[in-house]
């Protein structure tokens, strides 16, 4: 398994995901999205794995103005806006090769073992 966790240090779900993998002795790479965001390739791979951009958007993000704007944009523009404002992405994003989850999903991660 090649696990990558994209998240932030202050996100409780990211901390829970890290703990879940540590408890099972599974090595992972933690990427802090405040320091280094997702590349275009990683973003595209996650988008395909989770079923589209809507699954990636954090409706509880603090930037309400940008969230509201995104509702009225075309799909291509929404994708571009989300790449620019990665603080609107739900965390943690856990990748295992081509597979990915958004949010805390231990029931899916168990199937990866």
PDB file of N, CA and C in Angstrom:
ATOM      1  N   UNK A   1       0.836  -1.189   0.000  1.00  0.00           N
ATOM      2  CA  UNK A   1       0.000   0.000   0.000  1.00  0.00           C
ATOM      3  C   UNK A   1       0.878   1.249   0.000  1.00  0.00           C
ATOM      4  N   UNK A   2       0.449   2.227  -0.748  1.00  0.00           N
ATOM      5  CA  UNK A   2       1.161   3.502  -0.825  1.00  0.00           C
ATOM      6  C   UNK A   2       0.173   4.597  -0.426  1.00  0.00           C
ATOM      7  N   UNK A   3       0.060   4.857   0.862  1.00  0.00           N
ATOM      8  CA  UNK A   3      -0.957   5.766   1.390  1.00  0.00           C
ATOM      9  C   UNK A   3      -0.418   7.189   1.479  1.00  0.00           C
ATOM     10  N   UNK A   4      -1.215   8.121   0.973  1.00  0.00           N
ATOM     11  CA  UNK A   4      -0.951   9.545   1.140  1.00  0.00           C
ATOM     12  C   UNK A   4      -2.164  10.152   1.822  1.00  0.00           C
ATOM     13  N   UNK A   5      -1.926  10.989   2.826  1.00  0.00           N
ATOM     14  CA  UNK A   5      -3.010  11.694   3.498  1.00  0.00           C
ATOM     15  C   UNK A   5      -2.802  13.183   3.267  1.00  0.00           C
ATOM     16  N   UNK A   6      -3.766  13.796   2.595  1.00  0.00           N
ATOM     17  CA  UNK A   6      -3.761  15.247   2.407  1.00  0.00           C
ATOM     18  C   UNK A   6      -4.694  15.833   3.446  1.00  0.00           C
ATOM     19  N   UNK A   7      -4.195  16.772   4.228  1.00  0.00           N
ATOM     20  CA  UNK A   7      -5.027  17.383   5.253  1.00  0.00           C
ATOM     21  C   UNK A   7      -4.308  18.561   5.887  1.00  0.00           C
ATOM     22  N   UNK A   8      -4.853  19.011   7.009  1.00  0.00           N
ATOM     23  CA  UNK A   8      -4.233  20.105   7.751  1.00  0.00           C
ATOM     24  C   UNK A   8      -4.016  19.665   9.197  1.00  0.00           C
ATOM     25  N   UNK A   9      -3.094  20.330   9.860  1.00  0.00           N
ATOM     26  CA  UNK A   9      -2.759  19.966  11.242  1.00  0.00           C
ATOM     27  C   UNK A   9      -3.910  20.235  12.203  1.00  0.00           C
ATOM     28  N   UNK A  10      -4.776  21.183  11.865  1.00  0.00           N
ATOM     29  CA  UNK A  10      -5.873  21.543  12.762  1.00  0.00           C
ATOM     30  C   UNK A  10      -7.155  20.748  12.511  1.00  0.00           C
ATOM     31  N   UNK A  11      -7.178  19.934  11.466  1.00  0.00           N
ATOM     32  CA  UNK A  11      -8.383  19.167  11.111  1.00  0.00           C
ATOM     33  C   UNK A  11      -8.473  17.902  11.970  1.00  0.00           C
ATOM     34  N   UNK A  12      -9.567  17.764  12.711  1.00  0.00           N
ATOM     35  CA  UNK A  12      -9.738  16.610  13.594  1.00  0.00           C
ATOM     36  C   UNK A  12      -9.885  15.316  12.807  1.00  0.00           C
ATOM     37  N   UNK A  13     -10.572  15.348  11.664  1.00  0.00           N
ATOM     38  CA  UNK A  13     -10.714  14.134  10.859  1.00  0.00           C
ATOM     39  C   UNK A  13      -9.376  13.685  10.290  1.00  0.00           C
ATOM     40  N   UNK A  14      -8.506  14.636   9.961  1.00  0.00           N
ATOM     41  CA  UNK A  14      -7.164  14.289   9.479  1.00  0.00           C
ATOM     42  C   UNK A  14      -6.380  13.601  10.596  1.00  0.00           C
ATOM     43  N   UNK A  15      -6.482  14.130  11.804  1.00  0.00           N
ATOM     44  CA  UNK A  15      -5.797  13.514  12.943  1.00  0.00           C
ATOM     45  C   UNK A  15      -6.328  12.102  13.197  1.00  0.00           C
ATOM     46  N   UNK A  16      -7.648  11.922  13.067  1.00  0.00           N
ATOM     47  CA  UNK A  16      -8.244  10.599  13.256  1.00  0.00           C
ATOM     48  C   UNK A  16      -7.750   9.632  12.191  1.00  0.00           C
ATOM     49  N   UNK A  17      -7.622  10.105  10.940  1.00  0.00           N
ATOM     50  CA  UNK A  17      -7.130   9.255   9.857  1.00  0.00           C
ATOM     51  C   UNK A  17      -5.682   8.832  10.119  1.00  0.00           C
ATOM     52  N   UNK A  18      -4.848   9.781  10.544  1.00  0.00           N
ATOM     53  CA  UNK A  18      -3.456   9.453  10.865  1.00  0.00           C
ATOM     54  C   UNK A  18      -3.398   8.393  11.962  1.00  0.00           C
ATOM     55  N   UNK A  19      -4.205   8.586  12.992  1.00  0.00           N
ATOM     56  CA  UNK A  19      -4.236   7.637  14.110  1.00  0.00           C
ATOM     57  C   UNK A  19      -4.692   6.257  13.635  1.00  0.00           C
ATOM     58  N   UNK A  20      -5.702   6.215  12.757  1.00  0.00           N
ATOM     59  CA  UNK A  20      -6.234   4.950  12.252  1.00  0.00           C
ATOM     60  C   UNK A  20      -5.131   4.151  11.555  1.00  0.00           C
ATOM     61  N   UNK A  21      -4.346   4.806  10.707  1.00  0.00           N
ATOM     62  CA  UNK A  21      -3.276   4.108   9.995  1.00  0.00           C
ATOM     63  C   UNK A  21      -2.124   3.745  10.929  1.00  0.00           C
ATOM     64  N   UNK A  22      -1.787   4.621  11.886  1.00  0.00           N
ATOM     65  CA  UNK A  22      -0.714   4.323  12.839  1.00  0.00           C
ATOM     66  C   UNK A  22      -1.060   3.103  13.686  1.00  0.00           C
ATOM     67  N   UNK A  23      -2.321   3.016  14.151  1.00  0.00           N
ATOM     68  CA  UNK A  23      -2.745   1.900  14.996  1.00  0.00           C
ATOM     69  C   UNK A  23      -2.629   0.564  14.276  1.00  0.00           C
ATOM     70  N   UNK A  24      -2.713   0.565  12.963  1.00  0.00           N
ATOM     71  CA  UNK A  24      -2.631  -0.661  12.180  1.00  0.00           C
ATOM     72  C   UNK A  24      -1.232  -0.896  11.606  1.00  0.00           C
ATOM     73  N   UNK A  25      -0.310  -0.010  11.955  1.00  0.00           N
ATOM     74  CA  UNK A  25       1.068  -0.163  11.496  1.00  0.00           C
ATOM     75  C   UNK A  25       1.246   0.058  10.005  1.00  0.00           C
ATOM     76  N   UNK A  26       0.366   0.857   9.405  1.00  0.00           N
ATOM     77  CA  UNK A  26       0.435   1.137   7.974  1.00  0.00           C
ATOM     78  C   UNK A  26       1.178   2.454   7.776  1.00  0.00           C
ATOM     79  N   UNK A  27       2.246   2.394   6.996  1.00  0.00           N
ATOM     80  CA  UNK A  27       3.023   3.609   6.741  1.00  0.00           C
ATOM     81  C   UNK A  27       2.252   4.506   5.782  1.00  0.00           C
ATOM     82  N   UNK A  28       2.379   5.806   5.997  1.00  0.00           N
ATOM     83  CA  UNK A  28       1.701   6.774   5.142  1.00  0.00           C
ATOM     84  C   UNK A  28       2.545   8.024   5.022  1.00  0.00           C
ATOM     85  N   UNK A  29       2.245   8.806   3.994  1.00  0.00           N
ATOM     86  CA  UNK A  29       2.900  10.095   3.797  1.00  0.00           C
ATOM     87  C   UNK A  29       1.863  11.171   4.080  1.00  0.00           C
ATOM     88  N   UNK A  30       2.168  12.073   4.994  1.00  0.00           N
ATOM     89  CA  UNK A  30       1.259  13.167   5.340  1.00  0.00           C
ATOM     90  C   UNK A  30       1.659  14.418   4.563  1.00  0.00           C
ATOM     91  N   UNK A  31       0.694  14.998   3.858  1.00  0.00           N
ATOM     92  CA  UNK A  31       0.930  16.239   3.120  1.00  0.00           C
ATOM     93  C   UNK A  31       0.023  17.309   3.711  1.00  0.00           C
ATOM     94  N   UNK A  32       0.635  18.352   4.273  1.00  0.00           N
ATOM     95  CA  UNK A  32      -0.121  19.455   4.854  1.00  0.00           C
ATOM     96  C   UNK A  32      -0.554  20.386   3.719  1.00  0.00           C
ATOM     97  N   UNK A  33      -1.846  20.507   3.526  1.00  0.00           N
ATOM     98  CA  UNK A  33      -2.371  21.288   2.408  1.00  0.00           C
ATOM     99  C   UNK A  33      -2.171  22.788   2.589  1.00  0.00           C
ATOM    100  N   UNK A  34      -1.859  23.226   3.811  1.00  0.00           N
ATOM    101  CA  UNK A  34      -1.572  24.653   3.998  1.00  0.00           C
ATOM    102  C   UNK A  34      -0.160  24.989   3.526  1.00  0.00           C
ATOM    103  N   UNK A  35       0.739  24.015   3.625  1.00  0.00           N
ATOM    104  CA  UNK A  35       2.113  24.224   3.180  1.00  0.00           C
ATOM    105  C   UNK A  35       2.285  23.891   1.704  1.00  0.00           C
ATOM    106  N   UNK A  36       1.734  22.767   1.295  1.00  0.00           N
ATOM    107  CA  UNK A  36       1.884  22.290  -0.081  1.00  0.00           C
ATOM    108  C   UNK A  36       0.558  21.675  -0.504  1.00  0.00           C
ATOM    109  N   UNK A  37      -0.101  22.279  -1.455  1.00  0.00           N
ATOM    110  CA  UNK A  37      -1.387  21.774  -1.922  1.00  0.00           C
ATOM    111  C   UNK A  37      -1.232  20.581  -2.844  1.00  0.00           C
ATOM    112  N   UNK A  38      -2.332  20.168  -3.426  1.00  0.00           N
ATOM    113  CA  UNK A  38      -2.328  19.056  -4.361  1.00  0.00           C
ATOM    114  C   UNK A  38      -1.881  19.549  -5.735  1.00  0.00           C
ATOM    115  N   UNK A  39      -1.163  18.690  -6.443  1.00  0.00           N
ATOM    116  CA  UNK A  39      -0.796  19.016  -7.815  1.00  0.00           C
ATOM    117  C   UNK A  39      -2.012  18.793  -8.703  1.00  0.00           C
ATOM    118  N   UNK A  40      -1.954  19.269  -9.931  1.00  0.00           N
ATOM    119  CA  UNK A  40      -3.068  19.097 -10.864  1.00  0.00           C
ATOM    120  C   UNK A  40      -3.340  17.615 -11.121  1.00  0.00           C
ATOM    121  N   UNK A  41      -2.289  16.813 -11.226  1.00  0.00           N
ATOM    122  CA  UNK A  41      -2.455  15.373 -11.449  1.00  0.00           C
ATOM    123  C   UNK A  41      -3.103  14.677 -10.268  1.00  0.00           C
ATOM    124  N   UNK A  42      -2.653  15.018  -9.066  1.00  0.00           N
ATOM    125  CA  UNK A  42      -3.248  14.433  -7.859  1.00  0.00           C
ATOM    126  C   UNK A  42      -4.713  14.836  -7.741  1.00  0.00           C
ATOM    127  N   UNK A  43      -4.986  16.098  -8.000  1.00  0.00           N
ATOM    128  CA  UNK A  43      -6.353  16.614  -7.934  1.00  0.00           C
ATOM    129  C   UNK A  43      -7.253  15.850  -8.896  1.00  0.00           C
ATOM    130  N   UNK A  44      -6.795  15.682 -10.126  1.00  0.00           N
ATOM    131  CA  UNK A  44      -7.575  14.982 -11.149  1.00  0.00           C
ATOM    132  C   UNK A  44      -7.812  13.523 -10.770  1.00  0.00           C
ATOM    133  N   UNK A  45      -6.780  12.877 -10.247  1.00  0.00           N
ATOM    134  CA  UNK A  45      -6.896  11.479  -9.835  1.00  0.00           C
ATOM    135  C   UNK A  45      -7.918  11.312  -8.711  1.00  0.00           C
ATOM    136  N   UNK A  46      -7.860  12.206  -7.725  1.00  0.00           N
ATOM    137  CA  UNK A  46      -8.808  12.146  -6.608  1.00  0.00           C
ATOM    138  C   UNK A  46     -10.225  12.422  -7.102  1.00  0.00           C
ATOM    139  N   UNK A  47     -10.364  13.405  -7.973  1.00  0.00           N
ATOM    140  CA  UNK A  47     -11.682  13.756  -8.511  1.00  0.00           C
ATOM    141  C   UNK A  47     -12.321  12.553  -9.197  1.00  0.00           C
ATOM    142  N   UNK A  48     -11.552  11.821  -9.986  1.00  0.00           N
ATOM    143  CA  UNK A  48     -12.075  10.640 -10.666  1.00  0.00           C
ATOM    144  C   UNK A  48     -12.431   9.544  -9.670  1.00  0.00           C
ATOM    145  N   UNK A  49     -11.592   9.343  -8.663  1.00  0.00           N
ATOM    146  CA  UNK A  49     -11.793   8.264  -7.698  1.00  0.00           C
ATOM    147  C   UNK A  49     -13.013   8.480  -6.810  1.00  0.00           C
ATOM    148  N   UNK A  50     -13.320   9.734  -6.484  1.00  0.00           N
ATOM    149  CA  UNK A  50     -14.429   9.996  -5.552  1.00  0.00           C
ATOM    150  C   UNK A  50     -15.733  10.327  -6.272  1.00  0.00           C
ATOM    151  N   UNK A  51     -15.704  10.383  -7.596  1.00  0.00           N
ATOM    152  CA  UNK A  51     -16.948  10.574  -8.339  1.00  0.00           C
ATOM    153  C   UNK A  51     -17.279  12.020  -8.658  1.00  0.00           C
ATOM    154  N   UNK A  52     -16.277  12.858  -8.785  1.00  0.00           N
ATOM    155  CA  UNK A  52     -16.535  14.233  -9.205  1.00  0.00           C
ATOM    156  C   UNK A  52     -16.185  15.267  -8.162  1.00  0.00           C
ATOM    157  N   UNK A  53     -16.286  16.486  -8.598  1.00  0.00           N
ATOM    158  CA  UNK A  53     -15.856  17.624  -7.787  1.00  0.00           C
ATOM    159  C   UNK A  53     -16.790  17.904  -6.604  1.00  0.00           C
ATOM    160  N   UNK A  54     -18.077  17.567  -6.752  1.00  0.00           N
ATOM    161  CA  UNK A  54     -19.036  17.846  -5.680  1.00  0.00           C
ATOM    162  C   UNK A  54     -18.680  17.109  -4.387  1.00  0.00           C
ATOM    163  N   UNK A  55     -18.125  15.910  -4.520  1.00  0.00           N
ATOM    164  CA  UNK A  55     -17.749  15.132  -3.340  1.00  0.00           C
ATOM    165  C   UNK A  55     -16.552  15.734  -2.620  1.00  0.00           C
ATOM    166  N   UNK A  56     -15.792  16.574  -3.310  1.00  0.00           N
ATOM    167  CA  UNK A  56     -14.575  17.147  -2.725  1.00  0.00           C
ATOM    168  C   UNK A  56     -14.813  18.471  -2.005  1.00  0.00           C
ATOM    169  N   UNK A  57     -15.917  19.134  -2.286  1.00  0.00           N
ATOM    170  CA  UNK A  57     -16.156  20.470  -1.734  1.00  0.00           C
ATOM    171  C   UNK A  57     -16.627  20.383  -0.284  1.00  0.00           C
ATOM    172  N   UNK A  58     -15.997  21.165   0.566  1.00  0.00           N
ATOM    173  CA  UNK A  58     -16.367  21.246   1.977  1.00  0.00           C
ATOM    174  C   UNK A  58     -17.426  22.343   2.139  1.00  0.00           C
ATOM    175  N   UNK A  59     -18.661  21.948   2.318  1.00  0.00           N
ATOM    176  CA  UNK A  59     -19.760  22.905   2.453  1.00  0.00           C
ATOM    177  C   UNK A  59     -19.669  23.712   3.749  1.00  0.00           C
ATOM    178  N   UNK A  60     -18.830  23.265   4.692  1.00  0.00           N
ATOM    179  CA  UNK A  60     -18.694  23.958   5.974  1.00  0.00           C
ATOM    180  C   UNK A  60     -17.457  24.858   6.016  1.00  0.00           C
ATOM    181  N   UNK A  61     -16.823  25.072   4.863  1.00  0.00           N
ATOM    182  CA  UNK A  61     -15.615  25.908   4.817  1.00  0.00           C
ATOM    183  C   UNK A  61     -15.953  27.336   5.230  1.00  0.00           C
ATOM    184  N   UNK A  62     -14.952  28.031   5.740  1.00  0.00           N
ATOM    185  CA  UNK A  62     -15.185  29.384   6.256  1.00  0.00           C
ATOM    186  C   UNK A  62     -15.346  30.432   5.150  1.00  0.00           C
ATOM    187  N   UNK A  63     -14.883  30.150   3.945  1.00  0.00           N
ATOM    188  CA  UNK A  63     -14.975  31.101   2.827  1.00  0.00           C
ATOM    189  C   UNK A  63     -16.339  30.965   2.146  1.00  0.00           C
ATOM    190  N   UNK A  64     -17.370  31.471   2.793  1.00  0.00           N
ATOM    191  CA  UNK A  64     -18.748  31.337   2.298  1.00  0.00           C
ATOM    192  C   UNK A  64     -18.956  32.047   0.957  1.00  0.00           C
ATOM    193  N   UNK A  65     -18.251  33.137   0.752  1.00  0.00           N
ATOM    194  CA  UNK A  65     -18.410  33.898  -0.487  1.00  0.00           C
ATOM    195  C   UNK A  65     -17.983  33.065  -1.698  1.00  0.00           C
ATOM    196  N   UNK A  66     -16.841  32.418  -1.616  1.00  0.00           N
ATOM    197  CA  UNK A  66     -16.354  31.584  -2.720  1.00  0.00           C
ATOM    198  C   UNK A  66     -17.226  30.351  -2.888  1.00  0.00           C
ATOM    199  N   UNK A  67     -17.692  29.769  -1.777  1.00  0.00           N
ATOM    200  CA  UNK A  67     -18.590  28.613  -1.858  1.00  0.00           C
ATOM    201  C   UNK A  67     -19.870  28.969  -2.616  1.00  0.00           C
ATOM    202  N   UNK A  68     -20.428  30.124  -2.310  1.00  0.00           N
ATOM    203  CA  UNK A  68     -21.646  30.568  -2.988  1.00  0.00           C
ATOM    204  C   UNK A  68     -21.378  30.798  -4.471  1.00  0.00           C
ATOM    205  N   UNK A  69     -20.269  31.421  -4.782  1.00  0.00           N
ATOM    206  CA  UNK A  69     -19.895  31.667  -6.173  1.00  0.00           C
ATOM    207  C   UNK A  69     -19.770  30.357  -6.950  1.00  0.00           C
ATOM    208  N   UNK A  70     -19.206  29.347  -6.330  1.00  0.00           N
ATOM    209  CA  UNK A  70     -18.979  28.073  -7.015  1.00  0.00           C
ATOM    210  C   UNK A  70     -20.271  27.387  -7.434  1.00  0.00           C
ATOM    211  N   UNK A  71     -21.348  27.663  -6.751  1.00  0.00           N
ATOM    212  CA  UNK A  71     -22.636  27.059  -7.110  1.00  0.00           C
ATOM    213  C   UNK A  71     -23.125  27.524  -8.476  1.00  0.00           C
ATOM    214  N   UNK A  72     -22.659  28.683  -8.912  1.00  0.00           N
ATOM    215  CA  UNK A  72     -23.139  29.277 -10.157  1.00  0.00           C
ATOM    216  C   UNK A  72     -22.145  29.140 -11.315  1.00  0.00           C
ATOM    217  N   UNK A  73     -21.016  28.491 -11.081  1.00  0.00           N
ATOM    218  CA  UNK A  73     -20.005  28.333 -12.119  1.00  0.00           C
ATOM    219  C   UNK A  73     -20.207  27.035 -12.897  1.00  0.00           C
ATOM    220  N   UNK A  74     -19.676  26.991 -14.115  1.00  0.00           N
ATOM    221  CA  UNK A  74     -19.702  25.752 -14.895  1.00  0.00           C
ATOM    222  C   UNK A  74     -18.745  24.756 -14.243  1.00  0.00           C
ATOM    223  N   UNK A  75     -18.842  23.492 -14.625  1.00  0.00           N
ATOM    224  CA  UNK A  75     -18.004  22.460 -14.010  1.00  0.00           C
ATOM    225  C   UNK A  75     -16.516  22.750 -14.177  1.00  0.00           C
ATOM    226  N   UNK A  76     -16.118  23.176 -15.376  1.00  0.00           N
ATOM    227  CA  UNK A  76     -14.699  23.463 -15.623  1.00  0.00           C
ATOM    228  C   UNK A  76     -14.224  24.633 -14.760  1.00  0.00           C
ATOM    229  N   UNK A  77     -15.059  25.669 -14.636  1.00  0.00           N
ATOM    230  CA  UNK A  77     -14.695  26.825 -13.817  1.00  0.00           C
ATOM    231  C   UNK A  77     -14.664  26.473 -12.334  1.00  0.00           C
ATOM    232  N   UNK A  78     -15.581  25.593 -11.903  1.00  0.00           N
ATOM    233  CA  UNK A  78     -15.605  25.158 -10.503  1.00  0.00           C
ATOM    234  C   UNK A  78     -14.330  24.396 -10.165  1.00  0.00           C
ATOM    235  N   UNK A  79     -13.904  23.555 -11.099  1.00  0.00           N
ATOM    236  CA  UNK A  79     -12.681  22.783 -10.886  1.00  0.00           C
ATOM    237  C   UNK A  79     -11.473  23.718 -10.761  1.00  0.00           C
ATOM    238  N   UNK A  80     -11.407  24.702 -11.637  1.00  0.00           N
ATOM    239  CA  UNK A  80     -10.309  25.669 -11.604  1.00  0.00           C
ATOM    240  C   UNK A  80     -10.318  26.468 -10.294  1.00  0.00           C
ATOM    241  N   UNK A  81     -11.512  26.889  -9.869  1.00  0.00           N
ATOM    242  CA  UNK A  81     -11.651  27.680  -8.641  1.00  0.00           C
ATOM    243  C   UNK A  81     -11.257  26.836  -7.415  1.00  0.00           C
ATOM    244  N   UNK A  82     -11.611  25.550  -7.427  1.00  0.00           N
ATOM    245  CA  UNK A  82     -11.259  24.673  -6.311  1.00  0.00           C
ATOM    246  C   UNK A  82      -9.748  24.421  -6.260  1.00  0.00           C
ATOM    247  N   UNK A  83      -9.110  24.333  -7.429  1.00  0.00           N
ATOM    248  CA  UNK A  83      -7.647  24.184  -7.465  1.00  0.00           C
ATOM    249  C   UNK A  83      -6.968  25.431  -6.889  1.00  0.00           C
ATOM    250  N   UNK A  84      -7.526  26.611  -7.188  1.00  0.00           N
ATOM    251  CA  UNK A  84      -6.975  27.863  -6.665  1.00  0.00           C
ATOM    252  C   UNK A  84      -7.176  27.985  -5.163  1.00  0.00           C
ATOM    253  N   UNK A  85      -8.340  27.554  -4.686  1.00  0.00           N
ATOM    254  CA  UNK A  85      -8.727  27.686  -3.269  1.00  0.00           C
ATOM    255  C   UNK A  85      -8.829  26.303  -2.634  1.00  0.00           C
ATOM    256  N   UNK A  86      -7.692  25.676  -2.406  1.00  0.00           N
ATOM    257  CA  UNK A  86      -7.717  24.309  -1.887  1.00  0.00           C
ATOM    258  C   UNK A  86      -8.172  24.233  -0.437  1.00  0.00           C
ATOM    259  N   UNK A  87      -8.330  25.385   0.205  1.00  0.00           N
ATOM    260  CA  UNK A  87      -8.887  25.392   1.566  1.00  0.00           C
ATOM    261  C   UNK A  87     -10.374  25.044   1.552  1.00  0.00           C
ATOM    262  N   UNK A  88     -10.984  24.972   0.376  1.00  0.00           N
ATOM    263  CA  UNK A  88     -12.397  24.585   0.253  1.00  0.00           C
ATOM    264  C   UNK A  88     -12.575  23.081   0.076  1.00  0.00           C
ATOM    265  N   UNK A  89     -11.471  22.337   0.009  1.00  0.00           N
ATOM    266  CA  UNK A  89     -11.540  20.891  -0.175  1.00  0.00           C
ATOM    267  C   UNK A  89     -11.748  20.221   1.173  1.00  0.00           C
ATOM    268  N   UNK A  90     -12.670  19.248   1.204  1.00  0.00           N
ATOM    269  CA  UNK A  90     -12.917  18.471   2.416  1.00  0.00           C
ATOM    270  C   UNK A  90     -11.695  17.629   2.740  1.00  0.00           C
ATOM    271  N   UNK A  91     -11.327  17.582   3.995  1.00  0.00           N
ATOM    272  CA  UNK A  91     -10.168  16.786   4.399  1.00  0.00           C
ATOM    273  C   UNK A  91     -10.582  15.737   5.422  1.00  0.00           C
ATOM    274  N   UNK A  92      -9.852  14.679   5.581  1.00  0.00           N
ATOM    275  CA  UNK A  92      -8.647  14.335   4.849  1.00  0.00           C
ATOM    276  C   UNK A  92      -8.965  13.686   3.507  1.00  0.00           C
ATOM    277  N   UNK A  93      -8.057  13.836   2.579  1.00  0.00           N
ATOM    278  CA  UNK A  93      -8.106  13.074   1.337  1.00  0.00           C
ATOM    279  C   UNK A  93      -7.056  11.995   1.495  1.00  0.00           C
ATOM    280  N   UNK A  94      -7.487  10.748   1.417  1.00  0.00           N
ATOM    281  CA  UNK A  94      -6.573   9.620   1.574  1.00  0.00           C
ATOM    282  C   UNK A  94      -6.482   8.914   0.230  1.00  0.00           C
ATOM    283  N   UNK A  95      -5.253   8.804  -0.294  1.00  0.00           N
ATOM    284  CA  UNK A  95      -5.012   8.156  -1.575  1.00  0.00           C
ATOM    285  C   UNK A  95      -4.246   6.865  -1.384  1.00  0.00           C
ATOM    286  N   UNK A  96      -4.624   5.880  -2.175  1.00  0.00           N
ATOM    287  CA  UNK A  96      -3.909   4.616  -2.243  1.00  0.00           C
ATOM    288  C   UNK A  96      -3.822   4.266  -3.721  1.00  0.00           C
ATOM    289  N   UNK A  97      -2.797   4.762  -4.391  1.00  0.00           N
ATOM    290  CA  UNK A  97      -2.689   4.569  -5.836  1.00  0.00           C
ATOM    291  C   UNK A  97      -3.798   5.330  -6.543  1.00  0.00           C
ATOM    292  N   UNK A  98      -4.616   4.610  -7.311  1.00  0.00           N
ATOM    293  CA  UNK A  98      -5.723   5.243  -8.038  1.00  0.00           C
ATOM    294  C   UNK A  98      -6.982   5.377  -7.176  1.00  0.00           C
ATOM    295  N   UNK A  99      -6.999   4.731  -6.022  1.00  0.00           N
ATOM    296  CA  UNK A  99      -8.153   4.806  -5.123  1.00  0.00           C
ATOM    297  C   UNK A  99      -8.006   6.018  -4.211  1.00  0.00           C
ATOM    298  N   UNK A 100      -9.132   6.593  -3.817  1.00  0.00           N
ATOM    299  CA  UNK A 100      -9.084   7.746  -2.913  1.00  0.00           C
ATOM    300  C   UNK A 100     -10.399   7.882  -2.164  1.00  0.00           C
ATOM    301  N   UNK A 101     -10.313   8.510  -0.994  1.00  0.00           N
ATOM    302  CA  UNK A 101     -11.510   8.854  -0.224  1.00  0.00           C
ATOM    303  C   UNK A 101     -11.393  10.296   0.227  1.00  0.00           C
ATOM    304  N   UNK A 102     -12.542  10.903   0.470  1.00  0.00           N
ATOM    305  CA  UNK A 102     -12.592  12.263   1.002  1.00  0.00           C
ATOM    306  C   UNK A 102     -13.340  12.183   2.326  1.00  0.00           C
ATOM    307  N   UNK A 103     -12.736  12.706   3.382  1.00  0.00           N
ATOM    308  CA  UNK A 103     -13.337  12.614   4.705  1.00  0.00           C
ATOM    309  C   UNK A 103     -12.822  11.384   5.435  1.00  0.00           C
ATOM    310  N   UNK A 104     -13.348  11.167   6.629  1.00  0.00           N
ATOM    311  CA  UNK A 104     -12.929  10.035   7.467  1.00  0.00           C
ATOM    312  C   UNK A 104     -13.729   8.804   7.061  1.00  0.00           C
ATOM    313  N   UNK A 105     -13.088   7.834   6.408  1.00  0.00           N
ATOM    314  CA  UNK A 105     -13.782   6.660   5.853  1.00  0.00           C
ATOM    315  C   UNK A 105     -13.077   5.350   6.199  1.00  0.00           C
ATOM    316  N   UNK A 106     -13.000   4.965   7.478  1.00  0.00           N
ATOM    317  CA  UNK A 106     -12.268   3.744   7.831  1.00  0.00           C
ATOM    318  C   UNK A 106     -12.866   2.483   7.213  1.00  0.00           C
ATOM    319  N   UNK A 107     -14.167   2.471   6.942  1.00  0.00           N
ATOM    320  CA  UNK A 107     -14.794   1.291   6.348  1.00  0.00           C
ATOM    321  C   UNK A 107     -14.256   1.032   4.936  1.00  0.00           C
ATOM    322  N   UNK A 108     -13.875   2.074   4.218  1.00  0.00           N
ATOM    323  CA  UNK A 108     -13.281   1.921   2.886  1.00  0.00           C
ATOM    324  C   UNK A 108     -11.811   1.531   3.020  1.00  0.00           C
ATOM    325  N   UNK A 109     -11.105   2.138   3.945  1.00  0.00           N
ATOM    326  CA  UNK A 109      -9.672   1.864   4.119  1.00  0.00           C
ATOM    327  C   UNK A 109      -9.435   0.420   4.506  1.00  0.00           C
ATOM    328  N   UNK A 110     -10.361  -0.170   5.282  1.00  0.00           N
ATOM    329  CA  UNK A 110     -10.216  -1.583   5.689  1.00  0.00           C
ATOM    330  C   UNK A 110     -10.176  -2.493   4.463  1.00  0.00           C
ATOM    331  N   UNK A 111     -10.929  -2.144   3.436  1.00  0.00           N
ATOM    332  CA  UNK A 111     -10.978  -2.958   2.216  1.00  0.00           C
ATOM    333  C   UNK A 111      -9.682  -2.860   1.421  1.00  0.00           C
ATOM    334  N   UNK A 112      -8.877  -1.827   1.663  1.00  0.00           N
ATOM    335  CA  UNK A 112      -7.616  -1.654   0.953  1.00  0.00           C
ATOM    336  C   UNK A 112      -6.528  -2.570   1.491  1.00  0.00           C
ATOM    337  N   UNK A 113      -6.678  -3.045   2.741  1.00  0.00           N
ATOM    338  CA  UNK A 113      -5.623  -3.855   3.378  1.00  0.00           C
ATOM    339  C   UNK A 113      -5.488  -5.209   2.714  1.00  0.00           C
TER     340      UNK A 113
END
